[in-house]
Protein backbone atom coordinates (compact mmCIF):
# COMPACT_ATOMS: atom_id res chain seq x y z
CA UNK A 1 46.62 43.60 67.29
CA UNK A 2 48.64 46.59 66.42
CA UNK A 3 48.68 47.66 62.83
CA UNK A 4 50.99 46.62 60.06
CA UNK A 5 53.24 49.06 58.26
CA UNK A 6 53.91 48.99 54.57
CA UNK A 7 57.35 47.65 53.59
CA UNK A 8 60.04 50.31 54.03
CA UNK A 9 62.68 48.39 52.12
CA UNK A 10 63.58 44.90 50.87
CA UNK A 11 62.81 42.34 53.53
CA UNK A 12 62.16 44.98 56.20
CA UNK A 13 58.99 46.33 57.78
CA UNK A 14 58.15 49.60 59.48
CA UNK A 15 59.88 52.92 59.87
CA UNK A 16 63.64 53.17 60.32
CA UNK A 17 65.73 55.79 62.15
CA UNK A 18 67.62 58.27 60.06
CA UNK A 19 71.32 57.83 59.38
CA UNK A 20 72.21 60.28 62.16
CA UNK A 21 69.90 58.77 64.73
CA UNK A 22 71.86 56.50 67.09
CA UNK A 23 68.92 55.62 69.27
CA UNK A 24 68.18 51.91 69.56
CA UNK A 25 64.57 50.72 69.23
CA UNK A 26 62.98 49.84 72.57
CA UNK A 27 62.31 46.14 72.91
CA UNK A 28 58.92 45.25 74.37
CA UNK A 29 59.42 42.10 76.40
CA UNK A 30 55.95 41.18 77.56
CA UNK A 31 53.34 42.71 75.31
CA UNK A 32 53.81 43.72 71.73
CA UNK A 33 52.90 47.11 70.30
CA UNK A 34 53.83 47.00 66.64
CA UNK A 35 54.87 50.50 65.59
CA UNK A 36 53.09 51.35 62.40
CA UNK A 37 51.59 54.28 60.63
CA UNK A 38 48.11 52.98 61.49
CA UNK A 39 47.16 50.77 64.40
CA UNK A 40 44.16 48.82 65.60
CA UNK A 41 43.11 50.95 68.55
CA UNK A 42 42.34 48.08 71.00
CA UNK A 43 45.95 46.84 70.74
CA UNK A 44 47.75 50.17 70.64
CA UNK A 45 48.46 49.95 74.39
CA UNK A 46 49.63 47.25 76.77
CA UNK A 47 46.09 46.75 78.11
CA UNK A 48 44.02 43.91 76.68
CA UNK A 49 40.73 45.32 77.96
CA UNK A 50 39.50 46.89 74.71
CA UNK A 51 40.54 43.85 72.66
CA UNK A 52 38.66 41.54 75.00
CA UNK A 53 35.58 43.74 74.78
CA UNK A 54 35.72 43.62 70.97
CA UNK A 55 36.01 39.82 70.89
CA UNK A 56 33.24 39.39 73.46
CA UNK A 57 30.91 41.63 71.49
CA UNK A 58 31.65 39.74 68.29
CA UNK A 59 31.56 36.14 69.52
CA UNK A 60 29.38 36.74 72.62
CA UNK A 61 29.94 34.94 75.90
CA UNK A 62 29.32 32.09 76.13
CA UNK A 63 30.78 31.50 72.70
CA UNK A 64 28.26 31.89 69.86
CA UNK A 65 25.47 32.96 72.14
CA UNK A 66 22.38 34.73 70.85
CA UNK A 67 24.20 38.08 70.83
CA UNK A 68 27.04 36.97 68.55
CA UNK A 69 27.61 38.70 65.23
CA UNK A 70 26.64 36.59 62.22
CA UNK A 71 30.29 36.57 61.11
CA UNK A 72 31.20 34.73 64.31
CA UNK A 73 29.83 31.56 62.71
CA UNK A 74 32.36 31.73 59.86
CA UNK A 75 34.99 29.78 61.78
CA UNK A 76 32.95 26.77 62.89
CA UNK A 77 30.17 26.42 60.31
CA UNK A 78 29.94 22.80 59.18
CA UNK A 79 27.03 20.58 58.17
CA UNK A 80 29.25 17.47 58.05
CA UNK A 81 31.39 17.80 61.16
CA UNK A 82 34.45 16.90 59.06
CA UNK A 83 36.33 20.16 58.57
CA UNK A 84 39.69 18.38 58.79
CA UNK A 85 38.74 15.87 56.11
CA UNK A 86 37.70 18.69 53.78
CA UNK A 87 40.89 20.75 54.17
CA UNK A 88 41.93 20.35 50.53
CA UNK A 89 38.62 20.96 48.81
CA UNK A 90 36.07 23.72 48.84
CA UNK A 91 32.58 22.68 49.86
CA UNK A 92 29.10 24.13 49.97
CA UNK A 93 29.70 24.83 53.66
CA UNK A 94 32.56 27.15 52.71
CA UNK A 95 30.29 29.11 50.40
CA UNK A 96 27.74 29.44 53.17
CA UNK A 97 30.45 30.47 55.64
CA UNK A 98 31.77 33.34 53.50
CA UNK A 99 28.27 34.79 53.26
CA UNK A 100 28.61 35.43 57.01
CA UNK A 101 31.45 37.79 56.05
CA UNK A 102 29.39 39.74 53.52
CA UNK A 103 30.57 37.80 50.44
CA UNK A 104 27.90 37.19 47.83
CA UNK A 105 28.52 34.05 45.78
CA UNK A 106 26.37 34.02 42.63
CA UNK A 107 25.34 30.77 40.99
CA UNK A 108 28.03 30.75 38.28
CA UNK A 109 30.81 31.41 40.78
CA UNK A 110 29.49 28.65 43.06
CA UNK A 111 29.39 26.25 40.10
CA UNK A 112 33.02 27.06 39.28
CA UNK A 113 34.24 26.64 42.86
CA UNK A 114 32.36 23.40 43.53
CA UNK A 115 32.43 21.80 40.08
CA UNK A 116 34.16 23.12 36.97
CA UNK A 117 37.28 24.38 38.75
CA UNK A 118 37.08 22.22 41.85
CA UNK A 119 39.96 19.93 40.89
CA UNK A 120 42.30 22.81 40.07
CA UNK A 121 41.46 24.60 43.29
CA UNK A 122 42.04 21.42 45.31
CA UNK A 123 45.47 21.14 43.74
CA UNK A 124 46.24 24.71 44.81
CA UNK A 125 45.15 23.98 48.37
CA UNK A 126 47.32 20.87 48.44
CA UNK A 127 50.26 22.94 47.18
CA UNK A 128 49.84 25.32 50.12
CA UNK A 129 50.47 22.40 52.46
CA UNK A 130 49.10 21.82 55.93
CA UNK A 131 47.77 24.65 58.05
CA UNK A 132 50.40 26.24 60.30
CA UNK A 133 51.00 29.54 62.06
CA UNK A 134 51.81 32.39 59.71
CA UNK A 135 54.34 33.86 62.12
CA UNK A 136 56.40 30.68 62.20
CA UNK A 137 56.66 30.08 58.47
CA UNK A 138 59.08 31.55 55.96
CA UNK A 139 57.62 33.67 53.18
CA UNK A 140 54.26 31.96 52.61
CA UNK A 141 53.01 32.66 49.11
CA UNK A 142 49.81 32.23 47.22
CA UNK A 143 50.56 29.42 44.74
CA UNK A 144 50.60 30.34 41.04
CA UNK A 145 49.79 34.01 41.32
CA UNK A 146 47.60 34.02 44.39
CA UNK A 147 44.64 36.40 44.66
CA UNK A 148 45.70 38.12 41.45
CA UNK A 149 45.72 34.83 39.55
CA UNK A 150 43.99 31.47 39.73
CA UNK A 151 42.65 31.85 43.29
CA UNK A 152 40.37 34.70 42.30
CA UNK A 153 39.07 33.33 39.00
CA UNK A 154 36.19 31.32 40.47
CA UNK A 155 35.15 34.52 42.27
CA UNK A 156 35.09 36.45 39.02
CA UNK A 157 31.34 36.95 39.28
CA UNK A 158 31.35 37.72 43.00
CA UNK A 159 30.50 41.33 43.75
CA UNK A 160 33.45 43.41 44.92
CA UNK A 161 37.21 42.85 44.92
CA UNK A 162 38.07 39.36 43.72
CA UNK A 163 41.38 39.21 45.59
CA UNK A 164 39.83 40.14 48.91
CA UNK A 165 36.95 37.71 48.42
CA UNK A 166 39.43 34.93 47.69
CA UNK A 167 41.22 35.48 51.01
CA UNK A 168 38.01 34.69 52.88
CA UNK A 169 37.61 31.41 51.04
CA UNK A 170 41.21 30.39 51.60
CA UNK A 171 41.05 31.47 55.26
CA UNK A 172 38.35 28.84 55.72
CA UNK A 173 40.86 26.18 54.71
CA UNK A 174 44.05 27.59 56.22
CA UNK A 175 42.84 29.80 59.10
CA UNK A 176 46.22 29.89 60.84
CA UNK A 177 48.19 30.67 57.70
CA UNK A 178 46.21 33.13 55.55
CA UNK A 179 44.62 36.26 57.05
CA UNK A 180 41.29 37.65 55.94
CA UNK A 181 41.72 40.87 53.97
CA UNK A 182 38.93 43.36 53.40
CA UNK A 183 38.50 47.10 53.04
CA UNK A 184 37.76 47.68 56.73
CA UNK A 185 40.79 45.79 58.07
CA UNK A 186 43.11 47.21 55.42
CA UNK A 187 41.94 50.75 56.22
CA UNK A 188 42.74 50.19 59.91
CA UNK A 189 46.18 48.70 59.26
CA UNK A 190 47.24 50.63 56.17
CA UNK A 191 47.53 47.43 54.14
CA UNK A 192 45.42 48.37 51.13
CA UNK A 193 48.13 47.29 48.66
CA UNK A 194 49.62 44.33 50.51
CA UNK A 195 48.36 42.51 53.58
CA UNK A 196 49.85 39.06 54.12
CA UNK A 197 53.53 39.95 54.49
CA UNK A 198 53.01 42.98 56.78
CA UNK A 199 50.86 40.81 59.04
CA UNK A 200 53.45 38.04 58.96
CA UNK A 201 56.25 40.42 59.92
CA UNK A 202 54.21 41.81 62.81
CA UNK A 203 53.56 38.31 64.14
CA UNK A 204 57.24 37.37 63.89
CA UNK A 205 58.63 40.51 65.53
CA UNK A 206 60.08 40.32 69.06
CA UNK A 207 60.22 36.53 69.00
CA UNK A 208 56.54 36.23 68.21
CA UNK A 209 55.39 38.47 71.06
CA UNK A 210 52.27 39.64 69.24
CA UNK A 211 51.29 36.11 68.21
CA UNK A 212 51.51 34.97 71.83
CA UNK A 213 49.57 38.01 73.00
CA UNK A 214 46.76 37.20 70.59
CA UNK A 215 46.60 33.62 71.88
CA UNK A 216 46.50 34.90 75.44
CA UNK A 217 43.63 37.25 74.57
CA UNK A 218 41.80 34.37 72.89
CA UNK A 219 42.05 32.35 76.08
CA UNK A 220 40.89 35.27 78.24
CA UNK A 221 37.90 35.75 75.93
CA UNK A 222 36.87 32.10 76.36
CA UNK A 223 37.24 31.27 72.67
CA UNK A 224 38.02 27.76 71.39
CA UNK A 225 41.33 26.82 69.78
CA UNK A 226 39.72 26.72 66.33
CA UNK A 227 39.74 30.53 66.41
CA UNK A 228 43.25 31.18 65.12
CA UNK A 229 45.55 34.03 66.16
CA UNK A 230 44.97 35.49 62.70
CA UNK A 231 41.22 35.45 63.21
CA UNK A 232 41.60 37.12 66.61
CA UNK A 233 43.65 39.78 64.80
CA UNK A 234 41.02 40.11 62.07
CA UNK A 235 38.10 40.52 64.45
CA UNK A 236 39.85 43.08 66.66
CA UNK A 237 40.94 45.14 63.65
CA UNK A 238 37.54 44.83 61.94
CA UNK A 239 35.60 45.84 65.05
CA UNK A 240 37.89 48.85 65.41
CA UNK A 241 37.38 49.85 61.77
CA UNK A 242 33.63 49.33 61.93
CA UNK A 243 33.39 51.54 65.00
CA UNK A 244 35.32 54.26 63.17
CA UNK A 245 33.31 53.93 59.96
CA UNK A 246 36.28 52.83 57.87
CA UNK A 247 36.20 50.77 54.66
CA UNK A 248 33.36 50.03 52.28
CA UNK A 249 29.84 49.74 53.58
CA UNK A 250 29.59 46.27 52.06
CA UNK A 251 32.35 45.04 54.39
CA UNK A 252 30.82 46.48 57.56
CA UNK A 253 28.02 43.94 57.88
CA UNK A 254 29.90 40.95 59.17
């Protein structure tokens, strides 16, 4: 996926021509190259080759083979086989899954997520509503303050940035709606201050061209439907950043 620019004005994304520039932006009809200050290298051109190589290295082929990265198990990890029935509550499986993405969950944080704050967190998940594609929804928001508020509180004792850790937990429950945000991906895309809305705008641009491209790449890579377009985006950007040594070392082990 191409990178995501920081907002250039209210309700707008990306760079704009100057007042004296009458040139019209070129519309990309088939494949989407989102013009941004920083881009994920594998999606900076019309070729899908590099993106497919990144996904294959991460998930292996066949899917989840012996060569897969440990983070590849984040999407499907389940000891119950009832991911759909657990959509509105965090479980021990979710805490195991985020460890695959280099999140350490100490005992007190786990107790809060699974017990003392479990009811409040379930209410927040229910308020988000059903999972749906980020690019097709209008202004999705983190309920009641999002990562800067109640979502991050149970992660208060997790090592690192609470807001970024929270996105990995919520992405387990709404993988099509909320993107994973960490220091590596944000360094690639230039989204250190804000991530969700720039990603959303990129997916919506050109009638959803980028979203459809990501789904096409997923199919070419032989990945199951449970791997969302957002996760395809995350893995491609993360692999690019890891290869370039971007972000914190603690986020480069997934």
